[in-house]
């Protein structure tokens, strides 16, 4: 195979290195979290980010996991999207990664 093909594959892989979901409806949430909560962010900082934005924290099944519901309105389409986000932390309470799953879009509560 030509060398340009491998270069194209490397570029394509690099573009998706921060993608935590392939669901297009959750892409904006993924971009938001990736921008504000990069790998290595402290667990306290993640909690602060979630609570100050009014996102519901469902709990922490163990010391290395936090589960939250993140709701976002896409400013381009004005469509809501909601994700159940599972944050994973290392032994030093630093963010390793997070996973997004689609959650039901429910109306905002005052």
N, C-alpha and C. Protein backbone atom coordinates (compact mmCIF):
# COMPACT_ATOMS: atom_id res chain seq x y z
N UNK A 1 0.84 -1.19 0.00
CA UNK A 1 0.00 0.00 0.00
C UNK A 1 0.88 1.24 0.00
N UNK A 2 0.39 2.31 -0.61
CA UNK A 2 1.19 3.53 -0.66
C UNK A 2 1.30 4.19 0.71
N UNK A 3 2.37 4.94 0.90
CA UNK A 3 2.64 5.60 2.17
C UNK A 3 1.56 6.62 2.53
N UNK A 4 0.97 7.28 1.53
CA UNK A 4 -0.07 8.28 1.81
C UNK A 4 -1.28 7.65 2.47
N UNK A 5 -1.56 6.37 2.16
CA UNK A 5 -2.69 5.68 2.75
C UNK A 5 -2.51 5.54 4.26
N UNK A 6 -1.30 5.18 4.69
CA UNK A 6 -1.03 5.03 6.11
C UNK A 6 -1.04 6.37 6.82
N UNK A 7 -0.57 7.40 6.14
CA UNK A 7 -0.63 8.75 6.70
C UNK A 7 -2.08 9.18 6.89
N UNK A 8 -2.93 8.90 5.94
CA UNK A 8 -4.36 9.22 6.04
C UNK A 8 -5.00 8.48 7.20
N UNK A 9 -4.66 7.22 7.37
CA UNK A 9 -5.19 6.45 8.50
C UNK A 9 -4.74 7.04 9.84
N UNK A 10 -3.49 7.45 9.92
CA UNK A 10 -2.97 8.04 11.16
C UNK A 10 -3.68 9.35 11.48
N UNK A 11 -3.91 10.17 10.47
CA UNK A 11 -4.62 11.43 10.69
C UNK A 11 -6.05 11.17 11.13
N UNK A 12 -6.72 10.23 10.49
CA UNK A 12 -8.10 9.90 10.84
C UNK A 12 -8.18 9.36 12.26
N UNK A 13 -7.25 8.54 12.66
CA UNK A 13 -7.24 8.00 14.03
C UNK A 13 -6.99 9.11 15.02
N UNK A 14 -6.12 10.04 14.70
CA UNK A 14 -5.83 11.16 15.59
C UNK A 14 -7.02 12.07 15.78
N UNK A 15 -7.84 12.24 14.75
CA UNK A 15 -9.02 13.10 14.85
C UNK A 15 -10.05 12.54 15.80
N UNK A 16 -10.11 11.23 15.93
CA UNK A 16 -11.11 10.61 16.79
C UNK A 16 -10.55 10.20 18.14
N UNK A 17 -9.36 10.64 18.49
CA UNK A 17 -8.73 10.17 19.71
C UNK A 17 -9.44 10.65 20.97
N UNK A 18 -10.21 11.74 20.87
CA UNK A 18 -10.92 12.26 22.03
C UNK A 18 -12.40 11.94 21.99
N UNK A 19 -12.84 11.14 21.05
CA UNK A 19 -14.25 10.80 20.93
C UNK A 19 -14.61 9.72 21.93
N UNK A 20 -15.66 9.98 22.70
CA UNK A 20 -16.10 9.03 23.70
C UNK A 20 -17.43 8.39 23.30
N UNK A 21 -17.97 8.81 22.16
CA UNK A 21 -19.22 8.25 21.66
C UNK A 21 -19.26 8.40 20.15
N UNK A 22 -19.97 7.51 19.51
CA UNK A 22 -20.19 7.62 18.08
C UNK A 22 -21.62 8.08 17.80
N UNK A 23 -22.39 8.34 18.84
CA UNK A 23 -23.77 8.80 18.71
C UNK A 23 -23.76 10.28 18.34
N UNK A 24 -24.23 10.64 17.15
CA UNK A 24 -24.18 12.05 16.74
C UNK A 24 -24.99 12.96 17.64
N UNK A 25 -26.01 12.43 18.28
CA UNK A 25 -26.84 13.25 19.18
C UNK A 25 -26.07 13.64 20.44
N UNK A 26 -25.06 12.88 20.81
CA UNK A 26 -24.28 13.16 22.02
C UNK A 26 -22.96 13.86 21.73
N UNK A 27 -22.69 14.16 20.47
CA UNK A 27 -21.41 14.75 20.08
C UNK A 27 -21.14 16.08 20.80
N UNK A 28 -22.15 16.95 20.91
CA UNK A 28 -21.93 18.25 21.55
C UNK A 28 -21.63 18.09 23.04
N UNK A 29 -22.26 17.13 23.69
CA UNK A 29 -21.95 16.86 25.10
C UNK A 29 -20.53 16.37 25.23
N UNK A 30 -20.13 15.48 24.35
CA UNK A 30 -18.77 14.95 24.37
C UNK A 30 -17.75 16.08 24.17
N UNK A 31 -18.02 16.98 23.22
CA UNK A 31 -17.12 18.11 22.99
C UNK A 31 -17.04 19.02 24.20
N UNK A 32 -18.17 19.27 24.84
CA UNK A 32 -18.21 20.12 26.04
C UNK A 32 -17.37 19.50 27.17
N UNK A 33 -17.60 18.23 27.44
CA UNK A 33 -16.86 17.56 28.51
C UNK A 33 -15.37 17.47 28.20
N UNK A 34 -15.04 17.17 26.96
CA UNK A 34 -13.65 17.05 26.57
C UNK A 34 -12.93 18.39 26.72
N UNK A 35 -13.61 19.48 26.43
CA UNK A 35 -13.00 20.81 26.53
C UNK A 35 -12.79 21.25 27.98
N UNK A 36 -13.73 20.90 28.86
CA UNK A 36 -13.67 21.38 30.25
C UNK A 36 -13.09 20.37 31.24
N UNK A 37 -13.12 19.10 30.87
CA UNK A 37 -12.66 18.05 31.80
C UNK A 37 -11.67 17.12 31.10
N UNK A 38 -10.49 17.60 30.81
CA UNK A 38 -9.51 16.74 30.14
C UNK A 38 -9.01 15.63 31.07
N UNK A 39 -8.41 14.65 30.48
CA UNK A 39 -7.79 13.55 31.25
C UNK A 39 -6.86 14.15 32.30
N UNK A 40 -6.94 13.64 33.53
CA UNK A 40 -6.10 14.14 34.61
C UNK A 40 -6.79 15.14 35.51
N UNK A 41 -8.01 15.57 35.15
CA UNK A 41 -8.76 16.50 35.99
C UNK A 41 -9.09 15.80 37.31
N UNK A 42 -9.01 16.56 38.41
CA UNK A 42 -9.29 15.97 39.72
C UNK A 42 -10.78 15.63 39.87
N UNK A 43 -11.06 14.65 40.70
CA UNK A 43 -12.44 14.24 40.96
C UNK A 43 -13.23 15.40 41.56
N UNK A 44 -12.61 16.19 42.43
CA UNK A 44 -13.28 17.35 43.01
C UNK A 44 -13.65 18.36 41.93
N UNK A 45 -12.77 18.59 40.99
CA UNK A 45 -13.03 19.54 39.91
C UNK A 45 -14.16 19.05 39.02
N UNK A 46 -14.21 17.75 38.74
CA UNK A 46 -15.31 17.18 37.95
C UNK A 46 -16.62 17.40 38.69
N UNK A 47 -16.65 17.10 39.99
CA UNK A 47 -17.85 17.31 40.79
C UNK A 47 -18.29 18.77 40.80
N UNK A 48 -17.33 19.67 40.94
CA UNK A 48 -17.63 21.10 40.92
C UNK A 48 -18.22 21.52 39.58
N UNK A 49 -17.63 21.05 38.49
CA UNK A 49 -18.13 21.35 37.15
C UNK A 49 -19.58 20.88 37.00
N UNK A 50 -19.86 19.66 37.43
CA UNK A 50 -21.20 19.10 37.28
C UNK A 50 -22.23 19.86 38.12
N UNK A 51 -21.91 20.12 39.38
CA UNK A 51 -22.89 20.78 40.25
C UNK A 51 -23.12 22.24 39.89
N UNK A 52 -22.07 22.97 39.50
CA UNK A 52 -22.26 24.38 39.16
C UNK A 52 -23.07 24.55 37.88
N UNK A 53 -23.09 23.55 37.03
CA UNK A 53 -23.90 23.62 35.81
C UNK A 53 -25.28 23.00 36.00
N UNK A 54 -25.54 22.51 37.19
CA UNK A 54 -26.86 21.95 37.49
C UNK A 54 -27.09 20.55 36.97
N UNK A 55 -26.03 19.83 36.63
CA UNK A 55 -26.17 18.46 36.17
C UNK A 55 -26.39 17.55 37.38
N UNK A 56 -27.27 16.59 37.21
CA UNK A 56 -27.62 15.68 38.30
C UNK A 56 -26.55 14.60 38.46
N UNK A 57 -26.01 14.48 39.66
CA UNK A 57 -25.07 13.40 39.96
C UNK A 57 -25.89 12.25 40.53
N UNK A 58 -25.86 11.12 39.83
CA UNK A 58 -26.64 9.96 40.26
C UNK A 58 -25.97 9.20 41.38
N UNK A 59 -24.67 9.33 41.49
CA UNK A 59 -23.99 8.64 42.56
C UNK A 59 -22.60 8.19 42.18
N UNK A 60 -21.99 7.52 43.13
CA UNK A 60 -20.66 6.98 42.97
C UNK A 60 -20.68 5.55 43.47
N UNK A 61 -20.83 4.59 42.57
CA UNK A 61 -20.90 3.19 43.00
C UNK A 61 -19.64 2.71 43.69
N UNK A 62 -18.51 3.38 43.43
CA UNK A 62 -17.26 3.06 44.11
C UNK A 62 -16.40 4.32 44.12
N UNK A 63 -15.23 4.24 44.72
CA UNK A 63 -14.35 5.41 44.85
C UNK A 63 -13.76 5.88 43.53
N UNK A 64 -13.86 5.06 42.50
CA UNK A 64 -13.23 5.38 41.23
C UNK A 64 -14.22 5.73 40.12
N UNK A 65 -15.49 5.93 40.49
CA UNK A 65 -16.53 6.17 39.49
C UNK A 65 -17.51 7.22 39.98
N UNK A 66 -17.92 8.11 39.07
CA UNK A 66 -19.01 9.05 39.32
C UNK A 66 -19.94 8.96 38.12
N UNK A 67 -21.24 8.91 38.40
CA UNK A 67 -22.24 8.84 37.34
C UNK A 67 -23.09 10.10 37.40
N UNK A 68 -23.27 10.74 36.24
CA UNK A 68 -24.04 11.98 36.19
C UNK A 68 -24.93 12.00 34.95
N UNK A 69 -25.98 12.81 35.03
CA UNK A 69 -26.86 13.05 33.89
C UNK A 69 -26.54 14.45 33.38
N UNK A 70 -26.12 14.52 32.12
CA UNK A 70 -25.74 15.80 31.52
C UNK A 70 -26.74 16.11 30.41
N UNK A 71 -27.38 17.26 30.53
CA UNK A 71 -28.36 17.70 29.53
C UNK A 71 -27.82 18.94 28.85
N UNK A 72 -27.93 18.96 27.54
CA UNK A 72 -27.38 20.06 26.75
C UNK A 72 -28.35 20.42 25.63
N UNK A 73 -28.48 21.71 25.37
CA UNK A 73 -29.27 22.19 24.24
C UNK A 73 -28.27 22.60 23.15
N UNK A 74 -28.38 21.99 21.99
CA UNK A 74 -27.53 22.33 20.86
C UNK A 74 -27.95 23.70 20.35
N UNK A 75 -27.06 24.67 20.40
CA UNK A 75 -27.41 26.04 20.00
C UNK A 75 -27.64 26.18 18.50
N UNK A 76 -27.16 25.24 17.72
CA UNK A 76 -27.38 25.30 16.27
C UNK A 76 -28.76 24.77 15.89
N UNK A 77 -29.16 23.66 16.51
CA UNK A 77 -30.43 23.03 16.16
C UNK A 77 -31.53 23.29 17.19
N UNK A 78 -31.16 23.80 18.36
CA UNK A 78 -32.07 24.02 19.49
C UNK A 78 -32.72 22.73 19.97
N UNK A 79 -32.06 21.63 19.71
CA UNK A 79 -32.54 20.32 20.14
C UNK A 79 -31.82 19.89 21.41
N UNK A 80 -32.58 19.36 22.38
CA UNK A 80 -31.94 18.88 23.60
C UNK A 80 -31.30 17.51 23.38
N UNK A 81 -30.28 17.24 24.14
CA UNK A 81 -29.70 15.89 24.19
C UNK A 81 -29.31 15.64 25.63
N UNK A 82 -29.50 14.41 26.05
CA UNK A 82 -29.21 14.03 27.42
C UNK A 82 -28.35 12.77 27.42
N UNK A 83 -27.32 12.80 28.25
CA UNK A 83 -26.42 11.64 28.34
C UNK A 83 -26.23 11.23 29.79
N UNK A 84 -26.14 9.94 29.99
CA UNK A 84 -25.71 9.39 31.26
C UNK A 84 -24.21 9.21 31.10
N UNK A 85 -23.45 9.92 31.93
CA UNK A 85 -21.99 9.92 31.79
C UNK A 85 -21.38 9.20 32.98
N UNK A 86 -20.51 8.25 32.68
CA UNK A 86 -19.80 7.51 33.72
C UNK A 86 -18.35 7.96 33.67
N UNK A 87 -17.92 8.66 34.72
CA UNK A 87 -16.54 9.14 34.84
C UNK A 87 -15.72 8.12 35.59
N UNK A 88 -14.54 7.81 35.07
CA UNK A 88 -13.64 6.83 35.68
C UNK A 88 -12.38 7.54 36.18
N UNK A 89 -11.99 7.27 37.43
CA UNK A 89 -10.84 7.91 38.07
C UNK A 89 -9.81 6.89 38.49
N UNK A 90 -8.55 7.33 38.55
CA UNK A 90 -7.47 6.44 38.99
C UNK A 90 -7.37 6.48 40.53
N UNK A 91 -6.36 5.82 41.06
CA UNK A 91 -6.16 5.73 42.51
C UNK A 91 -5.86 7.09 43.14
N UNK A 92 -5.42 8.06 42.34
CA UNK A 92 -5.14 9.41 42.84
C UNK A 92 -6.29 10.38 42.60
N UNK A 93 -7.47 9.84 42.29
CA UNK A 93 -8.69 10.63 42.05
C UNK A 93 -8.51 11.58 40.87
N UNK A 94 -7.84 11.12 39.82
CA UNK A 94 -7.66 11.88 38.59
C UNK A 94 -8.45 11.19 37.48
N UNK A 95 -9.09 11.99 36.64
CA UNK A 95 -9.93 11.47 35.57
C UNK A 95 -9.10 10.67 34.56
N UNK A 96 -9.54 9.44 34.33
CA UNK A 96 -8.91 8.58 33.32
C UNK A 96 -9.69 8.71 32.01
N UNK A 97 -11.02 8.56 32.11
CA UNK A 97 -11.86 8.62 30.93
C UNK A 97 -13.32 8.74 31.38
N UNK A 98 -14.19 8.87 30.41
CA UNK A 98 -15.62 8.84 30.68
C UNK A 98 -16.32 8.19 29.50
N UNK A 99 -17.49 7.63 29.78
CA UNK A 99 -18.32 6.99 28.77
C UNK A 99 -19.66 7.70 28.73
N UNK A 100 -20.23 7.84 27.55
CA UNK A 100 -21.53 8.47 27.38
C UNK A 100 -22.53 7.45 26.86
N UNK A 101 -23.73 7.51 27.41
CA UNK A 101 -24.84 6.69 26.93
C UNK A 101 -26.04 7.61 26.78
N UNK A 102 -26.83 7.41 25.76
CA UNK A 102 -28.03 8.22 25.58
C UNK A 102 -28.98 7.99 26.75
N UNK A 103 -29.58 9.07 27.25
CA UNK A 103 -30.55 9.01 28.33
C UNK A 103 -31.81 9.72 27.85
N UNK A 104 -32.95 9.44 28.49
CA UNK A 104 -34.19 10.10 28.06
C UNK A 104 -34.10 11.62 28.23
N UNK A 105 -34.62 12.35 27.24
CA UNK A 105 -34.69 13.80 27.33
C UNK A 105 -35.95 14.16 28.11
N UNK A 106 -35.76 14.65 29.31
CA UNK A 106 -36.90 15.04 30.15
C UNK A 106 -36.88 16.56 30.30
N UNK A 107 -38.04 17.18 30.49
CA UNK A 107 -38.08 18.63 30.65
C UNK A 107 -37.27 19.09 31.84
N UNK A 108 -36.72 20.30 31.73
CA UNK A 108 -35.98 20.89 32.85
C UNK A 108 -36.91 21.13 34.02
N UNK A 109 -36.42 20.91 35.21
CA UNK A 109 -37.18 21.16 36.43
C UNK A 109 -36.68 22.46 37.06
N UNK A 110 -37.59 23.34 37.50
CA UNK A 110 -37.12 24.60 38.13
C UNK A 110 -36.49 24.37 39.48
